[in-house]
């Protein structure tokens, strides 16, 4: 029986129809500015998010780091939640590439309040770094796939504006947030200066993200993309996959969310497993749980789990993550729950 891979929604393969779209795509040279499929994707994504312009990039990490480079200067400080992707999964790039510090905030589920944001803004003091940028992650990965409510984000953005800070949204899974919360990408992006979105996670494209913003910001973003080695040539192949995903894979994200809630309910019944923040609060396609048994680490548990036909990923000493996506079989919940029950109680020797 084939292994069920729940490590991430990045493990999907292009569907047959997506491959067909890639083969049919008209091609040019994106660095030289005549890649028709890329240009079409950029225009569409900019329109979807209500911004003037967009640039297609290889990864979400590059999109985030280009945004930081556009907004910040050496010695500036970024305000972000302490569990943010830009802190844990981008290899220290804000410091290495843009010379920026990060001031981490606390808040349940990776979200934070306007007051916390306001309290982190530095005063005009020659001894301090300049507060320059607020970064919000939606959905929030390490927070549990949590979703920013529109009103809460609007309030944080207003706080940033009053302090003359720019706002960037790490929206790698913004499509999931929109489906879960019921707002449009443009409604959410209206309160940000720049937004990154990913096509290779829940939408199932093989490669690619985009950064959207004003025309001036995206013109600078293209220069930074080139500097970072992100200028691609016949990237219309990838743009066509992303365009297909936008046409066919956004609404079906609700299926992943429903399966995640169902899996959370099943896992909560297993002795030795604590689903957090609780099955009823699973907002999108991620299920996090803690191992309550002493001794076994998350890495050891995941190794045992793989022997039972399911892959998940350790997210801490005792914390495990499962991510639902379009490549899992219809019986994923039953098979995954059964495998977890076996792995959490290994056979005695």
Protein backbone atom coordinates (compact mmCIF):
# COMPACT_ATOMS: atom_id res chain seq x y z
CA UNK A 1 0.00 0.00 0.00
CA UNK A 2 1.38 3.41 -0.95
CA UNK A 3 2.81 5.67 1.73
CA UNK A 4 0.52 8.56 2.75
CA UNK A 5 2.70 11.67 2.91
CA UNK A 6 1.31 14.24 5.36
CA UNK A 7 4.58 16.04 6.03
CA UNK A 8 3.48 19.12 4.10
CA UNK A 9 1.22 20.33 1.31
CA UNK A 10 4.42 20.96 -0.69
CA UNK A 11 4.74 17.25 -1.56
CA UNK A 12 2.03 17.22 -4.23
CA UNK A 13 2.66 16.32 -7.85
CA UNK A 14 1.11 18.08 -10.87
CA UNK A 15 -2.13 16.54 -12.02
CA UNK A 16 -2.43 15.23 -15.57
CA UNK A 17 -4.46 18.30 -16.55
CA UNK A 18 -1.83 20.59 -15.00
CA UNK A 19 0.89 18.84 -17.04
CA UNK A 20 -1.20 19.43 -20.16
CA UNK A 21 -1.47 23.14 -19.32
CA UNK A 22 2.30 23.32 -18.84
CA UNK A 23 2.97 21.67 -22.20
CA UNK A 24 0.63 24.08 -23.99
CA UNK A 25 2.05 27.23 -22.42
CA UNK A 26 3.54 29.84 -24.78
CA UNK A 27 7.11 30.57 -23.73
CA UNK A 28 9.60 33.40 -23.83
CA UNK A 29 12.40 34.72 -21.61
CA UNK A 30 11.22 36.23 -18.34
CA UNK A 31 14.51 38.02 -17.57
CA UNK A 32 14.32 39.73 -20.95
CA UNK A 33 10.69 40.64 -20.25
CA UNK A 34 8.94 38.68 -22.99
CA UNK A 35 7.62 35.60 -21.15
CA UNK A 36 3.89 35.71 -22.03
CA UNK A 37 2.74 33.05 -19.58
CA UNK A 38 4.57 34.67 -16.67
CA UNK A 39 3.23 38.10 -17.57
CA UNK A 40 -0.31 36.73 -17.73
CA UNK A 41 0.08 35.12 -14.29
CA UNK A 42 1.52 38.30 -12.78
CA UNK A 43 -1.34 40.40 -14.11
CA UNK A 44 -3.88 37.94 -12.79
CA UNK A 45 -2.38 37.64 -9.31
CA UNK A 46 -2.05 41.42 -8.99
CA UNK A 47 -5.72 41.79 -9.92
CA UNK A 48 -6.80 39.04 -7.51
CA UNK A 49 -5.07 40.82 -4.65
CA UNK A 50 -6.06 44.32 -5.71
CA UNK A 51 -2.51 45.57 -6.28
CA UNK A 52 -0.86 47.38 -9.16
CA UNK A 53 1.80 44.83 -9.96
CA UNK A 54 3.25 41.40 -9.22
CA UNK A 55 6.48 39.51 -9.78
CA UNK A 56 6.81 35.72 -10.13
CA UNK A 57 9.60 34.16 -8.03
CA UNK A 58 10.85 30.63 -7.37
CA UNK A 59 9.88 30.40 -3.69
CA UNK A 60 7.98 31.96 -0.83
CA UNK A 61 11.21 32.55 1.05
CA UNK A 62 12.53 34.62 -1.83
CA UNK A 63 9.27 36.56 -2.03
CA UNK A 64 9.44 37.39 1.68
CA UNK A 65 13.10 38.38 1.54
CA UNK A 66 12.59 40.56 -1.51
CA UNK A 67 9.76 42.32 0.31
CA UNK A 68 12.02 42.91 3.31
CA UNK A 69 14.71 44.25 1.00
CA UNK A 70 12.24 46.64 -0.61
CA UNK A 71 10.97 48.04 2.68
CA UNK A 72 14.02 48.02 4.96
CA UNK A 73 17.57 49.31 5.17
CA UNK A 74 20.64 48.12 7.09
CA UNK A 75 20.07 48.23 10.84
CA UNK A 76 16.27 48.46 10.63
CA UNK A 77 13.99 46.35 12.79
CA UNK A 78 11.09 44.13 11.73
CA UNK A 79 8.16 43.43 14.05
CA UNK A 80 6.80 39.89 13.71
CA UNK A 81 5.42 37.06 15.79
CA UNK A 82 8.14 35.02 17.45
CA UNK A 83 6.95 31.85 15.69
CA UNK A 84 7.05 33.40 12.21
CA UNK A 85 8.37 31.62 9.13
CA UNK A 86 10.86 34.45 8.49
CA UNK A 87 12.44 33.68 11.89
CA UNK A 88 12.45 29.87 11.90
CA UNK A 89 12.65 28.73 8.27
CA UNK A 90 14.50 31.32 6.19
CA UNK A 91 18.09 30.69 7.39
CA UNK A 92 18.56 34.05 9.09
CA UNK A 93 17.98 35.80 5.77
CA UNK A 94 16.61 39.10 7.18
CA UNK A 95 19.99 39.59 8.90
CA UNK A 96 22.16 38.01 6.21
CA UNK A 97 20.57 39.70 3.19
CA UNK A 98 19.06 42.95 4.48
CA UNK A 99 20.95 43.56 7.72
CA UNK A 100 17.73 43.69 9.75
CA UNK A 101 16.86 42.72 13.31
CA UNK A 102 13.52 41.15 14.23
CA UNK A 103 11.55 42.11 17.32
CA UNK A 104 9.44 39.06 18.19
CA UNK A 105 5.92 39.35 19.58
CA UNK A 106 3.84 36.83 21.49
CA UNK A 107 0.24 35.88 20.85
CA UNK A 108 -1.85 32.73 20.70
CA UNK A 109 -1.74 30.82 17.44
CA UNK A 110 0.84 33.09 15.84
CA UNK A 111 -1.50 36.09 15.95
CA UNK A 112 -0.88 39.30 17.88
CA UNK A 113 -2.89 42.30 19.02
CA UNK A 114 -2.58 45.93 17.87
CA UNK A 115 -1.41 46.91 21.36
CA UNK A 116 1.44 44.41 21.19
CA UNK A 117 2.46 45.84 17.83
CA UNK A 118 2.30 49.41 19.13
CA UNK A 119 4.35 48.50 22.18
CA UNK A 120 7.13 47.07 20.00
CA UNK A 121 7.62 50.23 17.92
CA UNK A 122 10.89 51.95 18.79
CA UNK A 123 11.05 55.60 19.70
CA UNK A 124 13.19 58.13 17.87
CA UNK A 125 16.39 57.38 19.75
CA UNK A 126 19.89 57.40 18.32
CA UNK A 127 20.66 54.25 20.31
CA UNK A 128 17.83 52.17 18.82
CA UNK A 129 17.22 50.48 15.50
CA UNK A 130 14.50 52.03 13.38
CA UNK A 131 11.18 50.20 13.39
CA UNK A 132 10.41 49.81 9.71
CA UNK A 133 8.17 46.85 8.89
CA UNK A 134 5.42 44.68 10.39
CA UNK A 135 5.17 41.12 9.04
CA UNK A 136 1.97 39.08 9.44
CA UNK A 137 1.80 35.39 8.46
CA UNK A 138 -1.57 34.12 7.18
CA UNK A 139 -2.21 31.25 7.65
CA UNK A 140 0.28 30.88 10.49
CA UNK A 141 2.20 27.63 10.19
CA UNK A 142 3.72 27.10 13.65
CA UNK A 143 0.63 28.64 15.19
CA UNK A 144 -1.34 25.63 13.94
CA UNK A 145 -2.54 26.73 10.52
CA UNK A 146 -4.42 29.59 12.20
CA UNK A 147 -6.18 32.32 10.28
CA UNK A 148 -6.08 36.08 10.78
CA UNK A 149 -9.54 37.59 11.02
CA UNK A 150 -10.00 40.57 8.75
CA UNK A 151 -10.90 42.95 11.59
CA UNK A 152 -7.88 41.93 13.67
CA UNK A 153 -5.49 42.35 10.77
CA UNK A 154 -7.03 45.69 9.82
CA UNK A 155 -6.46 46.93 13.38
CA UNK A 156 -2.82 45.81 13.35
CA UNK A 157 -2.26 47.44 9.96
CA UNK A 158 -3.75 50.72 11.20
CA UNK A 159 -1.39 50.62 14.18
CA UNK A 160 1.53 50.16 11.81
CA UNK A 161 0.36 53.03 9.60
CA UNK A 162 0.12 55.40 12.56
CA UNK A 163 3.74 54.55 13.38
CA UNK A 164 4.72 55.01 9.69
CA UNK A 165 5.66 51.36 9.31
CA UNK A 166 5.14 49.29 6.18
CA UNK A 167 3.10 46.07 6.33
CA UNK A 168 4.02 42.81 4.61
CA UNK A 169 1.89 39.67 4.61
CA UNK A 170 3.60 36.30 4.34
CA UNK A 171 0.60 34.79 2.60
CA UNK A 172 2.09 31.48 1.51
CA UNK A 173 -1.23 29.90 2.47
CA UNK A 174 -3.42 32.98 2.08
CA UNK A 175 -5.64 30.96 -0.26
CA UNK A 176 -6.42 28.61 2.65
CA UNK A 177 -7.18 31.56 4.91
CA UNK A 178 -9.58 33.07 2.39
CA UNK A 179 -11.47 29.81 1.93
CA UNK A 180 -11.65 29.22 5.69
CA UNK A 181 -12.60 32.75 6.74
CA UNK A 182 -14.71 33.75 3.74
CA UNK A 183 -12.94 36.95 2.73
CA UNK A 184 -11.37 37.61 -0.66
CA UNK A 185 -7.61 37.92 -1.24
CA UNK A 186 -8.12 41.55 -2.23
CA UNK A 187 -10.07 42.32 0.96
CA UNK A 188 -7.17 41.09 3.07
CA UNK A 189 -4.38 42.49 0.90
CA UNK A 190 -5.97 45.96 0.91
CA UNK A 191 -4.42 46.59 4.32
CA UNK A 192 -0.87 45.57 3.33
CA UNK A 193 1.86 47.19 1.26
CA UNK A 194 3.14 43.87 -0.05
CA UNK A 195 1.84 40.31 0.02
CA UNK A 196 3.56 37.06 -0.92
CA UNK A 197 1.46 34.11 -2.09
CA UNK A 198 2.54 30.57 -2.91
CA UNK A 199 1.33 28.24 -5.66
CA UNK A 200 3.28 25.13 -4.62
CA UNK A 201 1.59 24.44 -1.30
CA UNK A 202 -2.15 23.81 -1.06
CA UNK A 203 -2.72 24.72 -4.71
CA UNK A 204 -0.53 21.87 -5.90
CA UNK A 205 1.72 23.58 -8.46
CA UNK A 206 5.29 22.25 -8.56
CA UNK A 207 7.18 25.54 -8.08
CA UNK A 208 6.55 29.21 -7.57
CA UNK A 209 5.33 32.17 -5.54
CA UNK A 210 4.48 35.77 -6.30
CA UNK A 211 4.98 39.10 -4.57
CA UNK A 212 2.41 41.83 -5.13
CA UNK A 213 2.46 45.54 -4.32
CA UNK A 214 2.63 48.96 -5.89
CA UNK A 215 4.27 49.36 -9.28
CA UNK A 216 7.29 51.15 -7.79
CA UNK A 217 7.83 48.47 -5.14
CA UNK A 218 7.56 45.63 -7.64
CA UNK A 219 9.96 47.38 -10.03
CA UNK A 220 12.50 47.34 -7.19
CA UNK A 221 11.52 43.74 -6.41
CA UNK A 222 12.52 42.70 -9.93
CA UNK A 223 15.99 44.13 -9.36
CA UNK A 224 16.31 42.25 -6.08
CA UNK A 225 15.02 39.06 -7.69
CA UNK A 226 17.78 39.31 -10.29
CA UNK A 227 20.38 39.99 -7.59
CA UNK A 228 19.30 36.91 -5.66
CA UNK A 229 19.44 34.68 -8.73
CA UNK A 230 15.68 34.36 -9.04
CA UNK A 231 15.39 35.52 -12.63
CA UNK A 232 14.20 32.53 -14.65
CA UNK A 233 14.06 32.05 -18.40
CA UNK A 234 11.28 29.86 -19.88
CA UNK A 235 9.44 29.97 -16.56
CA UNK A 236 6.12 30.05 -18.39
CA UNK A 237 6.06 26.27 -17.81
CA UNK A 238 5.80 26.98 -14.09
CA UNK A 239 3.50 29.95 -14.52
CA UNK A 240 1.07 27.80 -16.49
CA UNK A 241 0.94 25.32 -13.61
CA UNK A 242 0.22 28.16 -11.20
CA UNK A 243 -2.48 29.54 -13.49
CA UNK A 244 -4.12 26.12 -13.68
CA UNK A 245 -4.01 25.88 -9.89
CA UNK A 246 -5.74 29.25 -9.53
CA UNK A 247 -8.45 28.08 -11.93
CA UNK A 248 -9.09 24.67 -10.39
CA UNK A 249 -7.61 24.20 -6.91
CA UNK A 250 -8.68 27.10 -4.68
CA UNK A 251 -12.25 26.08 -3.85
CA UNK A 252 -11.24 22.48 -3.18
CA UNK A 253 -9.07 23.66 -0.26
CA UNK A 254 -12.27 23.34 1.78
CA UNK A 255 -11.93 19.56 1.36
CA UNK A 256 -8.49 19.65 2.98
CA UNK A 257 -9.85 21.74 5.85
CA UNK A 258 -12.73 19.32 6.45
CA UNK A 259 -10.39 16.32 6.39
CA UNK A 260 -8.05 18.05 8.85
CA UNK A 261 -10.91 18.59 11.30
CA UNK A 262 -12.00 14.99 10.89
CA UNK A 263 -8.45 13.74 11.45
CA UNK A 264 -8.16 15.92 14.54
CA UNK A 265 -11.31 14.36 15.99
CA UNK A 266 -10.02 10.85 15.33
CA UNK A 267 -6.58 11.55 16.79
CA UNK A 268 -8.10 13.11 19.92
CA UNK A 269 -9.60 9.69 20.72
CA UNK A 270 -6.19 8.01 20.82
CA UNK A 271 -4.58 7.56 24.21
CA UNK A 272 -1.19 9.28 24.37
CA UNK A 273 -2.16 12.01 21.89
CA UNK A 274 -3.23 15.55 22.74
CA UNK A 275 -4.52 17.49 19.75
CA UNK A 276 -3.84 21.18 20.12
CA UNK A 277 -5.34 23.70 20.16
CA UNK A 278 -8.19 21.17 19.96
CA UNK A 279 -10.09 19.46 17.13
CA UNK A 280 -12.88 22.06 17.11
CA UNK A 281 -10.33 24.84 16.55
CA UNK A 282 -8.54 23.36 13.54
CA UNK A 283 -8.99 26.19 11.07
CA UNK A 284 -7.36 25.00 7.86
CA UNK A 285 -5.40 22.00 6.58
CA UNK A 286 -2.97 21.48 9.46
CA UNK A 287 -3.30 19.20 12.47
CA UNK A 288 -0.84 19.56 15.33
CA UNK A 289 -0.65 17.20 18.28
CA UNK A 290 1.53 16.54 21.31
CA UNK A 291 2.78 13.17 22.48
CA UNK A 292 1.76 12.88 26.10
CA UNK A 293 3.67 9.65 26.80
CA UNK A 294 7.04 9.97 28.47
CA UNK A 295 10.17 8.83 26.71
CA UNK A 296 9.24 8.90 23.04
CA UNK A 297 10.28 11.98 21.07
CA UNK A 298 8.44 13.35 18.05
CA UNK A 299 11.28 12.22 15.76
CA UNK A 300 11.15 8.67 17.12
CA UNK A 301 7.38 8.62 16.80
CA UNK A 302 7.55 9.78 13.17
CA UNK A 303 10.05 7.06 12.33
CA UNK A 304 7.69 4.43 13.75
CA UNK A 305 4.73 6.02 12.02
CA UNK A 306 6.43 5.74 8.65
CA UNK A 307 6.79 2.01 9.14
CA UNK A 308 2.99 1.94 9.42
CA UNK A 309 2.57 3.72 6.07
CA UNK A 310 2.14 7.38 7.05
CA UNK A 311 4.63 10.27 7.00
CA UNK A 312 4.28 13.24 9.36
CA UNK A 313 6.87 15.74 10.54
CA UNK A 314 8.26 16.56 13.99
CA UNK A 315 7.79 20.22 14.93
CA UNK A 316 9.35 20.09 18.39
CA UNK A 317 10.47 17.62 21.05
CA UNK A 318 6.95 16.23 21.43
CA UNK A 319 4.99 18.09 18.75
CA UNK A 320 3.95 16.54 15.43
CA UNK A 321 2.30 18.10 12.37
CA UNK A 322 0.10 16.54 9.70
CA UNK A 323 -0.91 18.53 6.63
CA UNK A 324 -3.81 17.56 4.35
CA UNK A 325 -3.54 18.20 0.61
CA UNK A 326 -4.93 17.22 -2.77
CA UNK A 327 -2.67 14.17 -3.26
CA UNK A 328 -3.98 12.14 -0.31
CA UNK A 329 -6.44 9.27 -0.87
CA UNK A 330 -10.09 9.43 0.16
CA UNK A 331 -9.47 7.07 3.10
CA UNK A 332 -6.63 9.21 4.46
CA UNK A 333 -8.29 9.95 7.81
CA UNK A 334 -8.99 6.32 8.72
CA UNK A 335 -5.58 5.09 7.60
CA UNK A 336 -3.68 7.92 9.29
CA UNK A 337 -5.56 7.52 12.58
CA UNK A 338 -4.94 3.77 12.57
CA UNK A 339 -1.23 4.29 11.91
CA UNK A 340 -0.93 6.87 14.69
CA UNK A 341 -2.64 4.53 17.17
CA UNK A 342 -0.07 1.82 16.32
CA UNK A 343 2.93 4.15 16.39
CA UNK A 344 2.07 5.83 19.67
CA UNK A 345 2.01 2.43 21.39
CA UNK A 346 5.02 0.59 19.98
CA UNK A 347 5.19 -3.18 20.45
CA UNK A 348 7.21 -4.24 23.47
CA UNK A 349 10.26 -6.39 22.84
